[in-house]
Protein backbone atom coordinates (compact mmCIF):
# COMPACT_ATOMS: atom_id res chain seq x y z
CA MET A 1 -23.16 -12.04 1.19
CA PRO A 2 -19.77 -10.32 1.58
CA SER A 3 -17.08 -12.15 3.53
CA ASP A 4 -15.01 -9.81 5.74
CA ARG A 5 -11.34 -10.57 6.32
CA GLU A 6 -8.15 -9.04 7.68
CA LEU A 7 -4.63 -9.08 6.27
CA SER A 8 -1.55 -8.48 8.42
CA LEU A 9 0.86 -6.09 6.72
CA PRO A 10 4.66 -6.36 7.04
CA ASP A 11 4.86 -3.52 9.60
CA GLY A 12 2.16 -5.04 11.81
CA ARG A 13 -0.73 -2.90 10.62
CA THR A 14 -4.00 -4.51 9.52
CA LEU A 15 -5.71 -4.15 6.15
CA ALA A 16 -9.43 -4.95 6.27
CA TRP A 17 -10.97 -6.34 3.10
CA SER A 18 -14.00 -8.22 1.88
CA SER A 19 -15.06 -10.33 -1.06
CA THR A 20 -18.43 -10.97 -2.60
CA ALA A 21 -19.21 -14.39 -4.11
CA PRO A 22 -18.67 -16.48 -6.14
CA ALA A 23 -15.67 -17.63 -4.14
CA ASP A 24 -14.14 -19.35 -7.18
CA GLY A 25 -14.69 -16.36 -9.48
CA THR A 26 -12.00 -14.21 -11.06
CA PRO A 27 -10.91 -11.63 -8.47
CA VAL A 28 -11.56 -8.02 -9.44
CA LEU A 29 -10.25 -5.47 -6.96
CA PHE A 30 -12.53 -2.47 -6.48
CA LEU A 31 -11.12 0.74 -5.02
CA ALA A 32 -14.13 2.79 -3.93
CA GLY A 33 -14.41 6.56 -4.02
CA ALA A 34 -14.26 9.28 -1.41
CA ALA A 35 -14.91 8.26 2.20
CA THR A 36 -16.26 4.83 1.33
CA GLY A 37 -14.92 1.59 2.74
CA ARG A 38 -15.24 -2.06 1.87
CA SER A 39 -19.05 -2.10 2.09
CA MET A 40 -19.19 -0.11 -1.15
CA THR A 41 -19.71 -2.47 -4.09
CA PHE A 42 -21.13 -2.39 -7.60
CA GLY A 43 -22.59 -4.86 -10.05
CA SER A 44 -23.68 -7.40 -7.44
CA ALA A 45 -26.46 -8.67 -9.71
CA HIS A 46 -23.91 -9.63 -12.38
CA LEU A 47 -21.12 -11.25 -10.36
CA ALA A 48 -22.36 -14.84 -10.55
CA GLU A 49 -23.25 -14.55 -14.23
CA LEU A 50 -19.80 -13.20 -15.12
CA GLY A 51 -17.86 -15.33 -12.66
CA VAL A 52 -16.45 -12.32 -10.80
CA ARG A 53 -15.31 -12.33 -7.19
CA LEU A 54 -15.48 -8.66 -6.25
CA VAL A 55 -12.84 -7.73 -3.69
CA THR A 56 -13.22 -4.51 -1.71
CA VAL A 57 -10.89 -2.93 0.84
CA ASP A 58 -10.63 -0.29 3.54
CA ARG A 59 -7.68 1.91 2.67
CA PRO A 60 -5.39 2.67 5.65
CA GLY A 61 -7.31 4.60 8.30
CA LEU A 62 -10.72 3.69 6.90
CA GLY A 63 -12.99 1.11 8.53
CA GLY A 64 -11.03 -1.75 10.04
CA SER A 65 -7.68 -0.83 8.48
CA THR A 66 -5.00 0.63 10.72
CA HIS A 67 -4.28 4.32 10.23
CA ASP A 68 -0.85 5.11 8.79
CA PRO A 69 0.26 8.63 9.79
CA ARG A 70 3.04 8.58 7.17
CA ARG A 71 0.80 7.39 4.39
CA SER A 72 1.42 8.35 0.76
CA ALA A 73 -0.01 7.26 -2.56
CA GLY A 74 2.96 4.94 -2.93
CA SER A 75 2.64 3.39 0.52
CA THR A 76 -1.09 2.88 -0.06
CA ALA A 77 -0.29 1.06 -3.28
CA ALA A 78 2.27 -1.06 -1.42
CA ASP A 79 -0.39 -2.03 1.12
CA LEU A 80 -2.82 -2.89 -1.67
CA ALA A 81 -0.08 -4.91 -3.37
CA CYS A 82 0.03 -7.15 -0.29
CA LEU A 83 -3.66 -7.88 -0.81
CA VAL A 84 -3.07 -8.49 -4.52
CA ALA A 85 -0.37 -11.03 -3.61
CA ARG A 86 -2.84 -12.70 -1.27
CA LEU A 87 -5.23 -12.99 -4.23
CA GLY A 88 -2.58 -14.75 -6.29
CA GLY A 89 -0.91 -11.94 -8.21
CA ALA A 90 -1.86 -9.05 -10.48
CA VAL A 91 -5.65 -8.74 -10.83
CA PRO A 92 -8.02 -6.47 -12.76
CA VAL A 93 -8.62 -3.26 -10.81
CA VAL A 94 -11.56 -0.84 -10.96
CA ALA A 95 -10.92 2.52 -9.28
CA ASN A 96 -13.71 5.05 -8.84
CA SER A 97 -13.61 8.79 -8.21
CA GLN A 98 -11.08 9.78 -5.53
CA ALA A 99 -9.42 6.34 -5.64
CA ALA A 100 -7.98 7.05 -9.10
CA VAL A 101 -4.54 8.03 -7.80
CA PHE A 102 -4.28 4.80 -5.80
CA GLY A 103 -5.31 2.69 -8.78
CA LEU A 104 -2.67 4.39 -10.91
CA ALA A 105 -0.02 3.92 -8.22
CA LEU A 106 -0.89 0.23 -8.08
CA ALA A 107 -0.67 -0.01 -11.88
CA GLU A 108 2.71 1.75 -11.81
CA ARG A 109 3.96 -1.06 -9.54
CA GLY A 110 2.73 -3.67 -12.02
CA ASP A 111 0.20 -5.14 -9.58
CA ALA A 112 -2.86 -4.46 -11.75
CA ALA A 113 -3.46 -6.79 -14.66
CA ARG A 114 -5.78 -4.17 -16.10
CA LEU A 115 -7.00 -0.85 -14.70
CA LEU A 116 -10.37 0.77 -15.28
CA LEU A 117 -10.65 4.31 -13.98
CA VAL A 118 -14.41 4.87 -13.80
CA SER A 119 -15.51 8.49 -13.25
CA PRO A 120 -12.04 9.20 -11.84
CA ALA A 121 -11.23 12.36 -9.96
CA ASP A 122 -8.68 14.33 -11.95
CA GLU A 123 -5.31 15.54 -10.65
CA VAL A 124 -6.72 18.86 -9.50
CA ALA A 125 -3.34 20.20 -8.36
CA ASP A 126 -1.98 20.00 -11.91
CA PRO A 127 -1.98 23.64 -13.13
CA ARG A 128 -3.67 22.64 -16.40
CA VAL A 129 -6.59 21.11 -14.49
CA PHE A 130 -6.60 23.65 -11.64
CA ALA A 131 -7.19 26.52 -14.08
CA ARG A 132 -10.43 24.94 -15.28
CA LEU A 133 -11.92 24.15 -11.86
CA PRO A 134 -14.79 26.10 -10.26
CA ALA A 135 -13.59 28.80 -7.89
CA SER A 136 -14.94 26.95 -4.85
CA VAL A 137 -12.89 23.85 -5.70
CA ARG A 138 -9.75 25.90 -6.43
CA GLN A 139 -10.10 27.38 -2.97
CA VAL A 140 -10.04 23.93 -1.33
CA VAL A 141 -7.12 22.75 -3.47
CA THR A 142 -5.22 25.89 -2.47
CA MET A 143 -5.93 25.20 1.20
CA VAL A 144 -4.56 21.67 0.83
CA ARG A 145 -1.37 23.12 -0.65
CA ASP A 146 -0.92 26.03 1.77
CA ASP A 147 -2.32 24.64 5.04
CA PRO A 148 -2.70 20.85 4.88
CA ALA A 149 -3.41 20.59 8.62
CA ALA A 150 -6.39 22.91 8.31
CA ALA A 151 -7.54 21.01 5.24
CA ARG A 152 -7.37 17.69 7.09
CA ALA A 153 -9.44 19.14 9.94
CA LEU A 154 -12.01 20.45 7.46
CA PHE A 155 -12.34 17.11 5.70
CA ALA A 156 -12.55 15.07 8.90
CA ALA A 157 -15.24 17.39 10.31
CA LEU A 158 -17.47 16.83 7.27
CA GLY A 159 -18.68 13.50 8.66
CA PRO A 160 -20.73 10.86 6.85
CA GLU A 161 -23.92 12.96 6.80
CA GLY A 162 -22.09 15.93 5.32
CA LEU A 163 -20.42 13.82 2.65
CA GLU A 164 -23.76 12.23 1.74
CA ARG A 165 -25.37 15.67 1.37
CA MET A 166 -22.46 16.90 -0.72
CA VAL A 167 -22.72 13.96 -3.13
CA VAL A 168 -26.52 14.02 -3.45
CA ASP A 169 -26.88 17.81 -3.64
CA GLY A 170 -24.11 18.09 -6.22
CA ALA A 171 -25.55 15.40 -8.50
CA GLY A 172 -27.64 15.87 -11.60
CA GLN A 173 -31.19 14.59 -11.65
CA ALA A 174 -30.35 11.19 -13.15
CA ASP A 175 -27.41 10.62 -10.80
CA ARG A 176 -29.46 11.74 -7.81
CA ALA A 177 -32.02 9.05 -8.62
CA VAL A 178 -29.23 6.45 -8.37
CA TYR A 179 -27.78 7.85 -5.16
CA THR A 180 -31.12 8.10 -3.38
CA ASP A 181 -32.36 4.64 -4.36
CA PRO A 182 -33.05 2.91 -1.00
CA ALA A 183 -30.79 -0.10 -1.68
CA PHE A 184 -27.91 2.07 -2.89
CA LEU A 185 -28.35 4.54 -0.05
CA ALA A 186 -28.19 1.81 2.60
CA ALA A 187 -24.93 0.47 1.17
CA PHE A 188 -23.56 3.99 0.73
CA ARG A 189 -24.27 4.90 4.35
CA ALA A 190 -22.61 1.70 5.63
CA ALA A 191 -19.56 2.48 3.50
CA LEU A 192 -19.47 6.09 4.73
CA ALA A 193 -19.50 4.88 8.33
CA GLU A 194 -16.35 2.92 7.48
CA GLY A 195 -14.90 5.88 5.63
CA PHE A 196 -15.19 8.16 8.65
CA ALA A 197 -13.87 5.66 11.18
CA ASN A 198 -10.89 6.83 13.25
CA ASP A 199 -12.40 10.33 13.46
CA GLY A 200 -12.20 10.72 9.70
CA ALA A 201 -8.39 10.52 9.62
CA GLY A 202 -8.32 8.06 6.73
CA TYR A 203 -10.72 10.07 4.61
CA ALA A 204 -8.82 13.28 5.34
CA THR A 205 -5.57 11.62 4.24
CA ASP A 206 -7.23 10.21 1.10
CA THR A 207 -8.43 13.67 0.13
CA VAL A 208 -5.15 15.45 0.80
CA LEU A 209 -3.30 12.85 -1.29
CA ALA A 210 -5.85 13.15 -4.10
CA MET A 211 -5.69 16.97 -4.09
CA THR A 212 -1.91 17.32 -4.14
CA ARG A 213 0.39 16.56 -7.08
CA TRP A 214 0.37 12.87 -7.87
CA PRO A 215 3.86 11.38 -7.44
CA LEU A 216 3.55 9.06 -10.42
CA ASP A 217 6.12 8.09 -13.02
CA TRP A 218 3.54 8.28 -15.78
CA PRO A 219 5.70 6.88 -18.63
CA SER A 220 6.47 3.76 -16.59
CA ILE A 221 2.82 2.67 -16.43
CA ARG A 222 2.58 -0.38 -18.68
CA THR A 223 -0.72 -1.77 -17.43
CA PRO A 224 -3.59 -1.56 -19.95
CA VAL A 225 -5.74 1.36 -18.74
CA GLU A 226 -9.22 2.47 -19.71
CA VAL A 227 -10.67 5.79 -18.53
CA TRP A 228 -14.49 5.81 -18.42
CA PHE A 229 -16.70 8.88 -18.13
CA GLY A 230 -20.38 9.56 -18.53
CA GLU A 231 -20.92 12.38 -21.00
CA ALA A 232 -23.04 14.28 -18.44
CA ASP A 233 -20.47 14.01 -15.63
CA ARG A 234 -19.77 17.53 -14.38
CA THR A 235 -18.00 16.74 -11.09
CA HIS A 236 -14.97 14.48 -11.64
CA SER A 237 -12.99 16.17 -14.42
CA PRO A 238 -13.34 19.44 -16.35
CA ASP A 239 -12.52 17.71 -19.66
CA LEU A 240 -13.99 14.24 -19.00
CA GLY A 241 -10.52 12.79 -18.53
CA GLU A 242 -9.03 13.84 -21.86
CA LEU A 243 -5.80 15.20 -20.34
CA LEU A 244 -5.65 12.40 -17.79
CA THR A 245 -5.89 9.75 -20.49
CA SER A 246 -3.21 11.42 -22.60
CA ARG A 247 -0.70 11.10 -19.74
CA ILE A 248 -1.05 7.31 -19.44
CA PRO A 249 0.83 5.33 -22.10
CA GLY A 250 -1.59 3.48 -24.37
CA ALA A 251 -4.67 4.42 -22.33
CA VAL A 252 -8.09 4.46 -23.96
CA ARG A 253 -10.88 6.90 -23.03
CA ARG A 254 -14.54 5.89 -23.24
CA VAL A 255 -17.25 8.55 -22.93
CA VAL A 256 -20.62 6.90 -22.44
CA ALA A 257 -23.61 8.63 -23.99
CA GLY A 258 -26.48 9.37 -21.65
CA ALA A 259 -24.51 8.53 -18.49
CA GLY A 260 -23.40 10.81 -15.67
CA GLY A 261 -21.21 10.60 -12.60
CA ALA A 262 -22.99 7.46 -11.41
CA LEU A 263 -21.68 5.57 -14.46
CA LEU A 264 -20.23 2.79 -12.31
CA TRP A 265 -23.70 1.81 -11.12
CA THR A 266 -25.75 2.55 -14.23
CA HIS A 267 -23.31 0.57 -16.43
CA ALA A 268 -21.96 -1.91 -13.91
CA LYS A 269 -22.09 -4.95 -16.19
CA ASP A 270 -20.26 -3.13 -18.98
CA VAL A 271 -17.51 -2.15 -16.53
CA LEU A 272 -17.13 -5.70 -15.21
CA VAL A 273 -17.00 -7.15 -18.73
CA ALA A 274 -14.29 -4.63 -19.64
CA ALA A 275 -12.36 -5.45 -16.46
CA LEU A 276 -12.30 -9.10 -17.47
CA ALA A 277 -11.42 -8.41 -21.09
CA GLY A 278 -7.69 -8.75 -20.57
CA GLY A 279 -8.01 -11.98 -18.61
């Protein structure tokens, strides 16, 4: 069973986190996707076998973590770095979907021993990516740029039920089978409740940060990075991360045959093995 904990940050805010046994396993930090808090996990059936202690966290404003009205990708990484220090230093990190920018910011700081971006959301505000997005997505990205307050209100109003519908309705048949599995759905709904805590302020901030230009010093990233996509993923990146991978020094892209956007759950053991590979 997960063990819930709290970490006091230097400015007095609280960062809520959790870990799933074995307690003496190698810590792997998991940064979950859009609007999901520390209840979102993956690969639970393989943790004991691989000796992995999966650590999950509520980003600021989600779940039990204090909202930070001045939050940025960099400040989020600094908060996560405090948790990494608590775990004993740089650890393998798996970042999914909308959490990609925060995983990269953590890697830029040198606090990730290894980073796996699994079905990562692309930098949609980059003109090269923006031009290839569906019109409906371009419209939202433009709103974030031109009227961020209205965008925040729109995202917060979506609510956990709306986000669940958006994910399930937008999924392909194989991914939908994963997302609607009763065990997955129960965990997903618990994580969405955390994600929309504080009237959705944390999720809204997450989304605005993910949909604006990413303030990363790309050449300074020295952490080993792997970018994983399912070949049938049609939601996270228009080119299955090809451009994204090219921007990260030394990064490797893996496109998994037969997989879709739910790659993290259909290939959980493979992801965990890869996360440990640099240890």
